[in-house]
Amino acid sequence: MTDRRIDSARGGGVDYITVEESPRFRELKKRQRSFIFPLAVAFLVWYFVYVLLSSFAPAFMAQPVFGAVTVGLLFGLGQFVTTFAITMGYVAYANRRLDPIAEELRDELERTERGSK
């Protein structure tokens, strides 16, 4: 197995390990994780509350809210709404905070790749 640093030093292209260790790439990963991890935890807690209530509090989940609509049905539909809201929020966040950095990194890598050919 060859070390990518050695290949890059010989003119073999981009040194991806160096890119991965760069401050700009680390900032990109930090921003991504700072959005993803808290929302993933919050969503999982919300999901497991729904599952646990469905399993251990069926009387509560069966309470009618209006007409034939129950608390459980609203919680279930809330799962879909939450999923779409998180997705839309992530897309907006990525467009605003992640994509500019990713584009800078990609452009830099493309310039480096073109320069090594």
PDB file of N, CA and C in Angstrom:
ATOM      1  N   MET A   1       0.858  -1.187   0.000  1.00  0.00           N
ATOM      2  CA  MET A   1       0.000   0.000   0.000  1.00  0.00           C
ATOM      3  C   MET A   1       0.895   1.238   0.000  1.00  0.00           C
ATOM      4  N   THR A   2       0.581   2.196  -0.855  1.00  0.00           N
ATOM      5  CA  THR A   2       1.391   3.414  -0.953  1.00  0.00           C
ATOM      6  C   THR A   2       0.777   4.532  -0.134  1.00  0.00           C
ATOM      7  N   ASP A   3       1.641   5.346   0.408  1.00  0.00           N
ATOM      8  CA  ASP A   3       1.202   6.514   1.162  1.00  0.00           C
ATOM      9  C   ASP A   3       0.858   7.628   0.175  1.00  0.00           C
ATOM     10  N   ARG A   4      -0.320   8.206   0.343  1.00  0.00           N
ATOM     11  CA  ARG A   4      -0.755   9.273  -0.577  1.00  0.00           C
ATOM     12  C   ARG A   4       0.162  10.479  -0.517  1.00  0.00           C
ATOM     13  N   ARG A   5       0.767  10.730   0.632  1.00  0.00           N
ATOM     14  CA  ARG A   5       1.689  11.867   0.751  1.00  0.00           C
ATOM     15  C   ARG A   5       2.898  11.660  -0.164  1.00  0.00           C
ATOM     16  N   ILE A   6       3.365  10.438  -0.224  1.00  0.00           N
ATOM     17  CA  ILE A   6       4.512  10.145  -1.081  1.00  0.00           C
ATOM     18  C   ILE A   6       4.116  10.334  -2.541  1.00  0.00           C
ATOM     19  N   ASP A   7       2.940   9.808  -2.927  1.00  0.00           N
ATOM     20  CA  ASP A   7       2.474   9.974  -4.302  1.00  0.00           C
ATOM     21  C   ASP A   7       2.365  11.442  -4.668  1.00  0.00           C
ATOM     22  N   SER A   8       1.853  12.248  -3.741  1.00  0.00           N
ATOM     23  CA  SER A   8       1.695  13.671  -4.015  1.00  0.00           C
ATOM     24  C   SER A   8       3.057  14.345  -4.148  1.00  0.00           C
ATOM     25  N   ALA A   9       4.008  13.949  -3.305  1.00  0.00           N
ATOM     26  CA  ALA A   9       5.343  14.539  -3.363  1.00  0.00           C
ATOM     27  C   ALA A   9       6.024  14.216  -4.687  1.00  0.00           C
ATOM     28  N   ARG A  10       5.692  13.084  -5.292  1.00  0.00           N
ATOM     29  CA  ARG A  10       6.247  12.699  -6.583  1.00  0.00           C
ATOM     30  C   ARG A  10       5.503  13.346  -7.747  1.00  0.00           C
ATOM     31  N   GLY A  11       4.519  14.170  -7.446  1.00  0.00           N
ATOM     32  CA  GLY A  11       3.746  14.808  -8.509  1.00  0.00           C
ATOM     33  C   GLY A  11       2.558  13.978  -8.937  1.00  0.00           C
ATOM     34  N   GLY A  12       2.073  13.108  -8.061  1.00  0.00           N
ATOM     35  CA  GLY A  12       0.979  12.210  -8.394  1.00  0.00           C
ATOM     36  C   GLY A  12      -0.397  12.812  -8.209  1.00  0.00           C
ATOM     37  N   GLY A  13      -0.519  14.087  -7.916  1.00  0.00           N
ATOM     38  CA  GLY A  13      -1.836  14.697  -7.783  1.00  0.00           C
ATOM     39  C   GLY A  13      -2.021  15.378  -6.449  1.00  0.00           C
ATOM     40  N   VAL A  14      -3.251  15.414  -6.030  1.00  0.00           N
ATOM     41  CA  VAL A  14      -3.640  16.129  -4.818  1.00  0.00           C
ATOM     42  C   VAL A  14      -3.309  15.292  -3.592  1.00  0.00           C
ATOM     43  N   ASP A  15      -2.793  15.934  -2.574  1.00  0.00           N
ATOM     44  CA  ASP A  15      -2.532  15.286  -1.294  1.00  0.00           C
ATOM     45  C   ASP A  15      -3.790  15.444  -0.433  1.00  0.00           C
ATOM     46  N   TYR A  16      -4.658  14.457  -0.498  1.00  0.00           N
ATOM     47  CA  TYR A  16      -5.953  14.550   0.172  1.00  0.00           C
ATOM     48  C   TYR A  16      -5.832  14.525   1.692  1.00  0.00           C
ATOM     49  N   ILE A  17      -4.799  13.901   2.198  1.00  0.00           N
ATOM     50  CA  ILE A  17      -4.608  13.877   3.655  1.00  0.00           C
ATOM     51  C   ILE A  17      -4.313  15.290   4.150  1.00  0.00           C
ATOM     52  N   THR A  18      -3.473  16.006   3.414  1.00  0.00           N
ATOM     53  CA  THR A  18      -3.164  17.386   3.789  1.00  0.00           C
ATOM     54  C   THR A  18      -4.421  18.251   3.708  1.00  0.00           C
ATOM     55  N   VAL A  19      -5.218  18.037   2.676  1.00  0.00           N
ATOM     56  CA  VAL A  19      -6.474  18.792   2.538  1.00  0.00           C
ATOM     57  C   VAL A  19      -7.384  18.499   3.715  1.00  0.00           C
ATOM     58  N   GLU A  20      -7.489  17.216   4.072  1.00  0.00           N
ATOM     59  CA  GLU A  20      -8.350  16.825   5.186  1.00  0.00           C
ATOM     60  C   GLU A  20      -7.887  17.421   6.506  1.00  0.00           C
ATOM     61  N   GLU A  21      -6.617  17.644   6.645  1.00  0.00           N
ATOM     62  CA  GLU A  21      -6.066  18.210   7.880  1.00  0.00           C
ATOM     63  C   GLU A  21      -6.015  19.735   7.858  1.00  0.00           C
ATOM     64  N   SER A  22      -6.412  20.345   6.755  1.00  0.00           N
ATOM     65  CA  SER A  22      -6.339  21.805   6.637  1.00  0.00           C
ATOM     66  C   SER A  22      -7.391  22.479   7.513  1.00  0.00           C
ATOM     67  N   PRO A  23      -7.103  23.694   7.983  1.00  0.00           N
ATOM     68  CA  PRO A  23      -8.063  24.422   8.825  1.00  0.00           C
ATOM     69  C   PRO A  23      -9.407  24.658   8.128  1.00  0.00           C
ATOM     70  N   ARG A  24      -9.384  24.916   6.830  1.00  0.00           N
ATOM     71  CA  ARG A  24     -10.636  25.196   6.107  1.00  0.00           C
ATOM     72  C   ARG A  24     -11.525  23.961   6.051  1.00  0.00           C
ATOM     73  N   PHE A  25     -10.929  22.794   5.797  1.00  0.00           N
ATOM     74  CA  PHE A  25     -11.694  21.551   5.756  1.00  0.00           C
ATOM     75  C   PHE A  25     -12.228  21.210   7.144  1.00  0.00           C
ATOM     76  N   ARG A  26     -11.391  21.407   8.156  1.00  0.00           N
ATOM     77  CA  ARG A  26     -11.844  21.147   9.530  1.00  0.00           C
ATOM     78  C   ARG A  26     -13.006  22.062   9.912  1.00  0.00           C
ATOM     79  N   GLU A  27     -12.948  23.310   9.463  1.00  0.00           N
ATOM     80  CA  GLU A  27     -14.044  24.247   9.724  1.00  0.00           C
ATOM     81  C   GLU A  27     -15.325  23.766   9.048  1.00  0.00           C
ATOM     82  N   LEU A  28     -15.201  23.280   7.828  1.00  0.00           N
ATOM     83  CA  LEU A  28     -16.366  22.755   7.103  1.00  0.00           C
ATOM     84  C   LEU A  28     -16.987  21.590   7.866  1.00  0.00           C
ATOM     85  N   LYS A  29     -16.176  20.641   8.299  1.00  0.00           N
ATOM     86  CA  LYS A  29     -16.690  19.493   9.048  1.00  0.00           C
ATOM     87  C   LYS A  29     -17.291  19.920  10.388  1.00  0.00           C
ATOM     88  N   LYS A  30     -16.658  20.894  11.044  1.00  0.00           N
ATOM     89  CA  LYS A  30     -17.172  21.375  12.335  1.00  0.00           C
ATOM     90  C   LYS A  30     -18.550  22.006  12.157  1.00  0.00           C
ATOM     91  N   ARG A  31     -18.696  22.830  11.121  1.00  0.00           N
ATOM     92  CA  ARG A  31     -20.000  23.458  10.870  1.00  0.00           C
ATOM     93  C   ARG A  31     -21.061  22.414  10.543  1.00  0.00           C
ATOM     94  N   GLN A  32     -20.690  21.425   9.737  1.00  0.00           N
ATOM     95  CA  GLN A  32     -21.649  20.392   9.372  1.00  0.00           C
ATOM     96  C   GLN A  32     -22.086  19.614  10.614  1.00  0.00           C
ATOM     97  N   ARG A  33     -21.123  19.194  11.400  1.00  0.00           N
ATOM     98  CA  ARG A  33     -21.440  18.408  12.598  1.00  0.00           C
ATOM     99  C   ARG A  33     -22.217  19.214  13.636  1.00  0.00           C
ATOM    100  N   SER A  34     -21.923  20.512  13.725  1.00  0.00           N
ATOM    101  CA  SER A  34     -22.630  21.330  14.720  1.00  0.00           C
ATOM    102  C   SER A  34     -24.109  21.471  14.377  1.00  0.00           C
ATOM    103  N   PHE A  35     -24.459  21.263  13.127  1.00  0.00           N
ATOM    104  CA  PHE A  35     -25.862  21.288  12.735  1.00  0.00           C
ATOM    105  C   PHE A  35     -26.480  19.891  12.830  1.00  0.00           C
ATOM    106  N   ILE A  36     -25.766  18.904  12.312  1.00  0.00           N
ATOM    107  CA  ILE A  36     -26.326  17.555  12.190  1.00  0.00           C
ATOM    108  C   ILE A  36     -26.510  16.871  13.541  1.00  0.00           C
ATOM    109  N   PHE A  37     -25.495  16.870  14.375  1.00  0.00           N
ATOM    110  CA  PHE A  37     -25.572  16.090  15.607  1.00  0.00           C
ATOM    111  C   PHE A  37     -26.673  16.553  16.563  1.00  0.00           C
ATOM    112  N   PRO A  38     -26.796  17.832  16.859  1.00  0.00           N
ATOM    113  CA  PRO A  38     -27.890  18.225  17.769  1.00  0.00           C
ATOM    114  C   PRO A  38     -29.277  17.910  17.207  1.00  0.00           C
ATOM    115  N   LEU A  39     -29.462  18.128  15.915  1.00  0.00           N
ATOM    116  CA  LEU A  39     -30.777  17.828  15.335  1.00  0.00           C
ATOM    117  C   LEU A  39     -31.044  16.339  15.273  1.00  0.00           C
ATOM    118  N   ALA A  40     -30.010  15.545  15.010  1.00  0.00           N
ATOM    119  CA  ALA A  40     -30.186  14.092  14.998  1.00  0.00           C
ATOM    120  C   ALA A  40     -30.584  13.588  16.381  1.00  0.00           C
ATOM    121  N   VAL A  41     -29.921  14.100  17.409  1.00  0.00           N
ATOM    122  CA  VAL A  41     -30.258  13.702  18.777  1.00  0.00           C
ATOM    123  C   VAL A  41     -31.679  14.132  19.121  1.00  0.00           C
ATOM    124  N   ALA A  42     -32.026  15.375  18.799  1.00  0.00           N
ATOM    125  CA  ALA A  42     -33.378  15.867  19.095  1.00  0.00           C
ATOM    126  C   ALA A  42     -34.436  15.037  18.368  1.00  0.00           C
ATOM    127  N   PHE A  43     -34.176  14.729  17.097  1.00  0.00           N
ATOM    128  CA  PHE A  43     -35.160  13.946  16.349  1.00  0.00           C
ATOM    129  C   PHE A  43     -35.284  12.539  16.917  1.00  0.00           C
ATOM    130  N   LEU A  44     -34.167  11.917  17.272  1.00  0.00           N
ATOM    131  CA  LEU A  44     -34.235  10.566  17.830  1.00  0.00           C
ATOM    132  C   LEU A  44     -34.980  10.544  19.162  1.00  0.00           C
ATOM    133  N   VAL A  45     -34.756  11.554  19.994  1.00  0.00           N
ATOM    134  CA  VAL A  45     -35.500  11.640  21.255  1.00  0.00           C
ATOM    135  C   VAL A  45     -36.991  11.768  20.959  1.00  0.00           C
ATOM    136  N   TRP A  46     -37.353  12.644  20.048  1.00  0.00           N
ATOM    137  CA  TRP A  46     -38.749  12.852  19.656  1.00  0.00           C
ATOM    138  C   TRP A  46     -39.341  11.553  19.114  1.00  0.00           C
ATOM    139  N   TYR A  47     -38.583  10.834  18.281  1.00  0.00           N
ATOM    140  CA  TYR A  47     -39.061   9.580  17.698  1.00  0.00           C
ATOM    141  C   TYR A  47     -39.277   8.529  18.790  1.00  0.00           C
ATOM    142  N   PHE A  48     -38.291   8.375  19.699  1.00  0.00           N
ATOM    143  CA  PHE A  48     -38.425   7.358  20.736  1.00  0.00           C
ATOM    144  C   PHE A  48     -39.523   7.703  21.745  1.00  0.00           C
ATOM    145  N   VAL A  49     -39.760   8.979  21.982  1.00  0.00           N
ATOM    146  CA  VAL A  49     -40.892   9.367  22.834  1.00  0.00           C
ATOM    147  C   VAL A  49     -42.188   8.896  22.179  1.00  0.00           C
ATOM    148  N   TYR A  50     -42.296   9.108  20.885  1.00  0.00           N
ATOM    149  CA  TYR A  50     -43.476   8.650  20.130  1.00  0.00           C
ATOM    150  C   TYR A  50     -43.632   7.131  20.227  1.00  0.00           C
ATOM    151  N   VAL A  51     -42.566   6.396  20.000  1.00  0.00           N
ATOM    152  CA  VAL A  51     -42.627   4.928  20.046  1.00  0.00           C
ATOM    153  C   VAL A  51     -42.963   4.453  21.459  1.00  0.00           C
ATOM    154  N   LEU A  52     -42.313   5.037  22.459  1.00  0.00           N
ATOM    155  CA  LEU A  52     -42.560   4.610  23.836  1.00  0.00           C
ATOM    156  C   LEU A  52     -43.983   4.944  24.283  1.00  0.00           C
ATOM    157  N   LEU A  53     -44.460   6.124  23.912  1.00  0.00           N
ATOM    158  CA  LEU A  53     -45.854   6.460  24.249  1.00  0.00           C
ATOM    159  C   LEU A  53     -46.823   5.515  23.559  1.00  0.00           C
ATOM    160  N   SER A  54     -46.527   5.163  22.326  1.00  0.00           N
ATOM    161  CA  SER A  54     -47.396   4.226  21.604  1.00  0.00           C
ATOM    162  C   SER A  54     -47.428   2.870  22.289  1.00  0.00           C
ATOM    163  N   SER A  55     -46.284   2.466  22.843  1.00  0.00           N
ATOM    164  CA  SER A  55     -46.195   1.149  23.473  1.00  0.00           C
ATOM    165  C   SER A  55     -46.712   1.129  24.903  1.00  0.00           C
ATOM    166  N   PHE A  56     -46.387   2.183  25.668  1.00  0.00           N
ATOM    167  CA  PHE A  56     -46.676   2.147  27.101  1.00  0.00           C
ATOM    168  C   PHE A  56     -47.780   3.088  27.560  1.00  0.00           C
ATOM    169  N   ALA A  57     -48.279   3.929  26.674  1.00  0.00           N
ATOM    170  CA  ALA A  57     -49.384   4.828  27.047  1.00  0.00           C
ATOM    171  C   ALA A  57     -50.439   4.836  25.940  1.00  0.00           C
ATOM    172  N   PRO A  58     -50.973   3.655  25.611  1.00  0.00           N
ATOM    173  CA  PRO A  58     -51.942   3.601  24.505  1.00  0.00           C
ATOM    174  C   PRO A  58     -53.218   4.400  24.789  1.00  0.00           C
ATOM    175  N   ALA A  59     -53.592   4.500  26.059  1.00  0.00           N
ATOM    176  CA  ALA A  59     -54.799   5.266  26.375  1.00  0.00           C
ATOM    177  C   ALA A  59     -54.578   6.757  26.063  1.00  0.00           C
ATOM    178  N   PHE A  60     -53.404   7.252  26.387  1.00  0.00           N
ATOM    179  CA  PHE A  60     -53.086   8.649  26.082  1.00  0.00           C
ATOM    180  C   PHE A  60     -53.065   8.876  24.572  1.00  0.00           C
ATOM    181  N   MET A  61     -52.422   7.969  23.863  1.00  0.00           N
ATOM    182  CA  MET A  61     -52.306   8.121  22.410  1.00  0.00           C
ATOM    183  C   MET A  61     -53.666   7.972  21.710  1.00  0.00           C
ATOM    184  N   ALA A  62     -54.592   7.286  22.349  1.00  0.00           N
ATOM    185  CA  ALA A  62     -55.920   7.071  21.751  1.00  0.00           C
ATOM    186  C   ALA A  62     -56.908   8.187  22.071  1.00  0.00           C
ATOM    187  N   GLN A  63     -56.498   9.162  22.870  1.00  0.00           N
ATOM    188  CA  GLN A  63     -57.411  10.261  23.217  1.00  0.00           C
ATOM    189  C   GLN A  63     -57.761  11.060  21.964  1.00  0.00           C
ATOM    190  N   PRO A  64     -59.046  11.261  21.748  1.00  0.00           N
ATOM    191  CA  PRO A  64     -59.436  12.057  20.580  1.00  0.00           C
ATOM    192  C   PRO A  64     -59.119  13.539  20.787  1.00  0.00           C
ATOM    193  N   VAL A  65     -58.636  14.176  19.737  1.00  0.00           N
ATOM    194  CA  VAL A  65     -58.357  15.604  19.779  1.00  0.00           C
ATOM    195  C   VAL A  65     -59.535  16.339  19.167  1.00  0.00           C
ATOM    196  N   PHE A  66     -59.925  15.910  17.990  1.00  0.00           N
ATOM    197  CA  PHE A  66     -61.155  16.378  17.358  1.00  0.00           C
ATOM    198  C   PHE A  66     -61.611  15.319  16.367  1.00  0.00           C
ATOM    199  N   GLY A  67     -62.866  14.995  16.414  1.00  0.00           N
ATOM    200  CA  GLY A  67     -63.399  13.952  15.540  1.00  0.00           C
ATOM    201  C   GLY A  67     -62.675  12.631  15.765  1.00  0.00           C
ATOM    202  N   ALA A  68     -62.249  12.017  14.670  1.00  0.00           N
ATOM    203  CA  ALA A  68     -61.545  10.738  14.753  1.00  0.00           C
ATOM    204  C   ALA A  68     -60.030  10.921  14.856  1.00  0.00           C
ATOM    205  N   VAL A  69     -59.564  12.144  14.962  1.00  0.00           N
ATOM    206  CA  VAL A  69     -58.126  12.424  15.055  1.00  0.00           C
ATOM    207  C   VAL A  69     -57.688  12.283  16.511  1.00  0.00           C
ATOM    208  N   THR A  70     -56.684  11.424  16.724  1.00  0.00           N
ATOM    209  CA  THR A  70     -56.192  11.157  18.080  1.00  0.00           C
ATOM    210  C   THR A  70     -54.821  11.793  18.305  1.00  0.00           C
ATOM    211  N   VAL A  71     -54.400  11.792  19.554  1.00  0.00           N
ATOM    212  CA  VAL A  71     -53.079  12.291  19.907  1.00  0.00           C
ATOM    213  C   VAL A  71     -52.008  11.492  19.158  1.00  0.00           C
ATOM    214  N   GLY A  72     -52.171  10.176  19.107  1.00  0.00           N
ATOM    215  CA  GLY A  72     -51.209   9.315  18.413  1.00  0.00           C
ATOM    216  C   GLY A  72     -51.089   9.640  16.935  1.00  0.00           C
ATOM    217  N   LEU A  73     -52.214   9.914  16.306  1.00  0.00           N
ATOM    218  CA  LEU A  73     -52.200  10.269  14.887  1.00  0.00           C
ATOM    219  C   LEU A  73     -51.465  11.593  14.677  1.00  0.00           C
ATOM    220  N   LEU A  74     -51.705  12.557  15.547  1.00  0.00           N
ATOM    221  CA  LEU A  74     -51.004  13.835  15.442  1.00  0.00           C
ATOM    222  C   LEU A  74     -49.504  13.667  15.663  1.00  0.00           C
ATOM    223  N   PHE A  75     -49.133  12.832  16.642  1.00  0.00           N
ATOM    224  CA  PHE A  75     -47.710  12.568  16.871  1.00  0.00           C
ATOM    225  C   PHE A  75     -47.092  11.892  15.649  1.00  0.00           C
ATOM    226  N   GLY A  76     -47.789  10.939  15.061  1.00  0.00           N
ATOM    227  CA  GLY A  76     -47.282  10.247  13.879  1.00  0.00           C
ATOM    228  C   GLY A  76     -47.105  11.184  12.700  1.00  0.00           C
ATOM    229  N   LEU A  77     -48.093  12.036  12.466  1.00  0.00           N
ATOM    230  CA  LEU A  77     -47.973  13.020  11.392  1.00  0.00           C
ATOM    231  C   LEU A  77     -46.875  14.035  11.712  1.00  0.00           C
ATOM    232  N   GLY A  78     -46.711  14.314  12.997  1.00  0.00           N
ATOM    233  CA  GLY A  78     -45.640  15.218  13.426  1.00  0.00           C
ATOM    234  C   GLY A  78     -44.260  14.684  13.073  1.00  0.00           C
ATOM    235  N   GLN A  79     -44.113  13.363  13.030  1.00  0.00           N
ATOM    236  CA  GLN A  79     -42.838  12.767  12.616  1.00  0.00           C
ATOM    237  C   GLN A  79     -42.510  13.152  11.177  1.00  0.00           C
ATOM    238  N   PHE A  80     -43.505  13.088  10.302  1.00  0.00           N
ATOM    239  CA  PHE A  80     -43.287  13.473   8.905  1.00  0.00           C
ATOM    240  C   PHE A  80     -42.978  14.964   8.782  1.00  0.00           C
ATOM    241  N   VAL A  81     -43.739  15.761   9.487  1.00  0.00           N
ATOM    242  CA  VAL A  81     -43.528  17.212   9.445  1.00  0.00           C
ATOM    243  C   VAL A  81     -42.122  17.557   9.947  1.00  0.00           C
ATOM    244  N   THR A  82     -41.712  16.925  11.035  1.00  0.00           N
ATOM    245  CA  THR A  82     -40.391  17.168  11.590  1.00  0.00           C
ATOM    246  C   THR A  82     -39.296  16.766  10.602  1.00  0.00           C
ATOM    247  N   THR A  83     -39.473  15.626   9.949  1.00  0.00           N
ATOM    248  CA  THR A  83     -38.487  15.162   8.975  1.00  0.00           C
ATOM    249  C   THR A  83     -38.325  16.171   7.838  1.00  0.00           C
ATOM    250  N   PHE A  84     -39.439  16.644   7.303  1.00  0.00           N
ATOM    251  CA  PHE A  84     -39.369  17.628   6.217  1.00  0.00           C
ATOM    252  C   PHE A  84     -38.779  18.949   6.708  1.00  0.00           C
ATOM    253  N   ALA A  85     -39.130  19.369   7.911  1.00  0.00           N
ATOM    254  CA  ALA A  85     -38.597  20.626   8.453  1.00  0.00           C
ATOM    255  C   ALA A  85     -37.083  20.538   8.648  1.00  0.00           C
ATOM    256  N   ILE A  86     -36.614  19.411   9.171  1.00  0.00           N
ATOM    257  CA  ILE A  86     -35.170  19.238   9.361  1.00  0.00           C
ATOM    258  C   ILE A  86     -34.463  19.240   8.008  1.00  0.00           C
ATOM    259  N   THR A  87     -35.042  18.552   7.032  1.00  0.00           N
ATOM    260  CA  THR A  87     -34.434  18.508   5.704  1.00  0.00           C
ATOM    261  C   THR A  87     -34.365  19.893   5.088  1.00  0.00           C
ATOM    262  N   MET A  88     -35.449  20.637   5.148  1.00  0.00           N
ATOM    263  CA  MET A  88     -35.453  21.990   4.585  1.00  0.00           C
ATOM    264  C   MET A  88     -34.481  22.895   5.339  1.00  0.00           C
ATOM    265  N   GLY A  89     -34.419  22.746   6.656  1.00  0.00           N
ATOM    266  CA  GLY A  89     -33.480  23.537   7.448  1.00  0.00           C
ATOM    267  C   GLY A  89     -32.038  23.217   7.100  1.00  0.00           C
ATOM    268  N   TYR A  90     -31.749  21.924   6.907  1.00  0.00           N
ATOM    269  CA  TYR A  90     -30.379  21.548   6.555  1.00  0.00           C
ATOM    270  C   TYR A  90     -30.000  22.073   5.170  1.00  0.00           C
ATOM    271  N   VAL A  91     -30.909  21.987   4.220  1.00  0.00           N
ATOM    272  CA  VAL A  91     -30.615  22.490   2.874  1.00  0.00           C
ATOM    273  C   VAL A  91     -30.321  23.995   2.934  1.00  0.00           C
ATOM    274  N   ALA A  92     -31.129  24.734   3.661  1.00  0.00           N
ATOM    275  CA  ALA A  92     -30.903  26.178   3.790  1.00  0.00           C
ATOM    276  C   ALA A  92     -29.567  26.456   4.483  1.00  0.00           C
ATOM    277  N   TYR A  93     -29.282  25.712   5.552  1.00  0.00           N
ATOM    278  CA  TYR A  93     -28.028  25.881   6.282  1.00  0.00           C
ATOM    279  C   TYR A  93     -26.838  25.541   5.385  1.00  0.00           C
ATOM    280  N   ALA A  94     -26.936  24.433   4.665  1.00  0.00           N
ATOM    281  CA  ALA A  94     -25.836  24.018   3.787  1.00  0.00           C
ATOM    282  C   ALA A  94     -25.612  25.040   2.682  1.00  0.00           C
ATOM    283  N   ASN A  95     -26.684  25.528   2.094  1.00  0.00           N
ATOM    284  CA  ASN A  95     -26.539  26.534   1.033  1.00  0.00           C
ATOM    285  C   ASN A  95     -25.844  27.793   1.543  1.00  0.00           C
ATOM    286  N   ARG A  96     -26.164  28.171   2.762  1.00  0.00           N
ATOM    287  CA  ARG A  96     -25.652  29.418   3.323  1.00  0.00           C
ATOM    288  C   ARG A  96     -24.282  29.264   3.976  1.00  0.00           C
ATOM    289  N   ARG A  97     -24.057  28.175   4.729  1.00  0.00           N
ATOM    290  CA  ARG A  97     -22.856  28.069   5.568  1.00  0.00           C
ATOM    291  C   ARG A  97     -21.851  27.010   5.114  1.00  0.00           C
ATOM    292  N   LEU A  98     -22.282  25.987   4.392  1.00  0.00           N
ATOM    293  CA  LEU A  98     -21.367  24.909   4.017  1.00  0.00           C
ATOM    294  C   LEU A  98     -20.902  24.997   2.568  1.00  0.00           C
ATOM    295  N   ASP A  99     -21.827  25.263   1.672  1.00  0.00           N
ATOM    296  CA  ASP A  99     -21.501  25.252   0.244  1.00  0.00           C
ATOM    297  C   ASP A  99     -20.411  26.249  -0.149  1.00  0.00           C
ATOM    298  N   PRO A 100     -20.395  27.472   0.400  1.00  0.00           N
ATOM    299  CA  PRO A 100     -19.308  28.380   0.013  1.00  0.00           C
ATOM    300  C   PRO A 100     -17.924  27.825   0.350  1.00  0.00           C
ATOM    301  N   ILE A 101     -17.775  27.215   1.515  1.00  0.00           N
ATOM    302  CA  ILE A 101     -16.484  26.640   1.896  1.00  0.00           C
ATOM    303  C   ILE A 101     -16.173  25.430   1.018  1.00  0.00           C
ATOM    304  N   ALA A 102     -17.171  24.586   0.783  1.00  0.00           N
ATOM    305  CA  ALA A 102     -16.959  23.402  -0.053  1.00  0.00           C
ATOM    306  C   ALA A 102     -16.563  23.800  -1.471  1.00  0.00           C
ATOM    307  N   GLU A 103     -17.166  24.853  -1.988  1.00  0.00           N
ATOM    308  CA  GLU A 103     -16.810  25.315  -3.328  1.00  0.00           C
ATOM    309  C   GLU A 103     -15.381  25.845  -3.376  1.00  0.00           C
ATOM    310  N   GLU A 104     -14.972  26.573  -2.324  1.00  0.00           N
ATOM    311  CA  GLU A 104     -13.586  27.050  -2.253  1.00  0.00           C
ATOM    312  C   GLU A 104     -12.608  25.881  -2.270  1.00  0.00           C
ATOM    313  N   LEU A 105     -12.899  24.880  -1.442  1.00  0.00           N
ATOM    314  CA  LEU A 105     -12.030  23.716  -1.377  1.00  0.00           C
ATOM    315  C   LEU A 105     -11.993  22.974  -2.712  1.00  0.00           C
ATOM    316  N   ARG A 106     -13.153  22.793  -3.328  1.00  0.00           N
ATOM    317  CA  ARG A 106     -13.211  22.108  -4.618  1.00  0.00           C
ATOM    318  C   ARG A 106     -12.424  22.866  -5.677  1.00  0.00           C
ATOM    319  N   ASP A 107     -12.598  24.186  -5.726  1.00  0.00           N
ATOM    320  CA  ASP A 107     -11.868  24.989  -6.705  1.00  0.00           C
ATOM    321  C   ASP A 107     -10.358  24.874  -6.492  1.00  0.00           C
ATOM    322  N   GLU A 108      -9.947  24.923  -5.239  1.00  0.00           N
ATOM    323  CA  GLU A 108      -8.523  24.799  -4.925  1.00  0.00           C
ATOM    324  C   GLU A 108      -7.991  23.426  -5.352  1.00  0.00           C
ATOM    325  N   LEU A 109      -8.762  22.377  -5.074  1.00  0.00           N
ATOM    326  CA  LEU A 109      -8.341  21.031  -5.468  1.00  0.00           C
ATOM    327  C   LEU A 109      -8.280  20.877  -6.978  1.00  0.00           C
ATOM    328  N   GLU A 110      -9.245  21.462  -7.676  1.00  0.00           N
ATOM    329  CA  GLU A 110      -9.236  21.392  -9.148  1.00  0.00           C
ATOM    330  C   GLU A 110      -8.041  22.127  -9.728  1.00  0.00           C
ATOM    331  N   ARG A 111      -7.713  23.288  -9.146  1.00  0.00           N
ATOM    332  CA  ARG A 111      -6.516  24.017  -9.610  1.00  0.00           C
ATOM    333  C   ARG A 111      -5.261  23.204  -9.368  1.00  0.00           C
ATOM    334  N   THR A 112      -5.177  22.579  -8.200  1.00  0.00           N
ATOM    335  CA  THR A 112      -4.022  21.752  -7.879  1.00  0.00           C
ATOM    336  C   THR A 112      -3.922  20.567  -8.834  1.00  0.00           C
ATOM    337  N   GLU A 113      -5.051  19.948  -9.099  1.00  0.00           N
ATOM    338  CA  GLU A 113      -5.082  18.792 -10.011  1.00  0.00           C
ATOM    339  C   GLU A 113      -4.662  19.193 -11.417  1.00  0.00           C
ATOM    340  N   ARG A 114      -5.156  20.319 -11.897  1.00  0.00           N
ATOM    341  CA  ARG A 114      -4.788  20.797 -13.231  1.00  0.00           C
ATOM    342  C   ARG A 114      -3.300  21.141 -13.286  1.00  0.00           C
ATOM    343  N   GLY A 115      -2.771  21.693 -12.199  1.00  0.00           N
ATOM    344  CA  GLY A 115      -1.366  22.068 -12.149  1.00  0.00           C
ATOM    345  C   GLY A 115      -0.425  20.890 -12.123  1.00  0.00           C
ATOM    346  N   SER A 116      -0.929  19.727 -11.654  1.00  0.00           N
ATOM    347  CA  SER A 116      -0.047  18.559 -11.546  1.00  0.00           C
ATOM    348  C   SER A 116      -0.031  17.722 -12.818  1.00  0.00           C
ATOM    349  N   LYS A 117      -0.875  18.048 -13.775  1.00  0.00           N
ATOM    350  CA  LYS A 117      -0.923  17.250 -15.025  1.00  0.00           C
ATOM    351  C   LYS A 117       0.055  17.742 -16.039  1.00  0.00           C
TER     352      LYS A 117
END
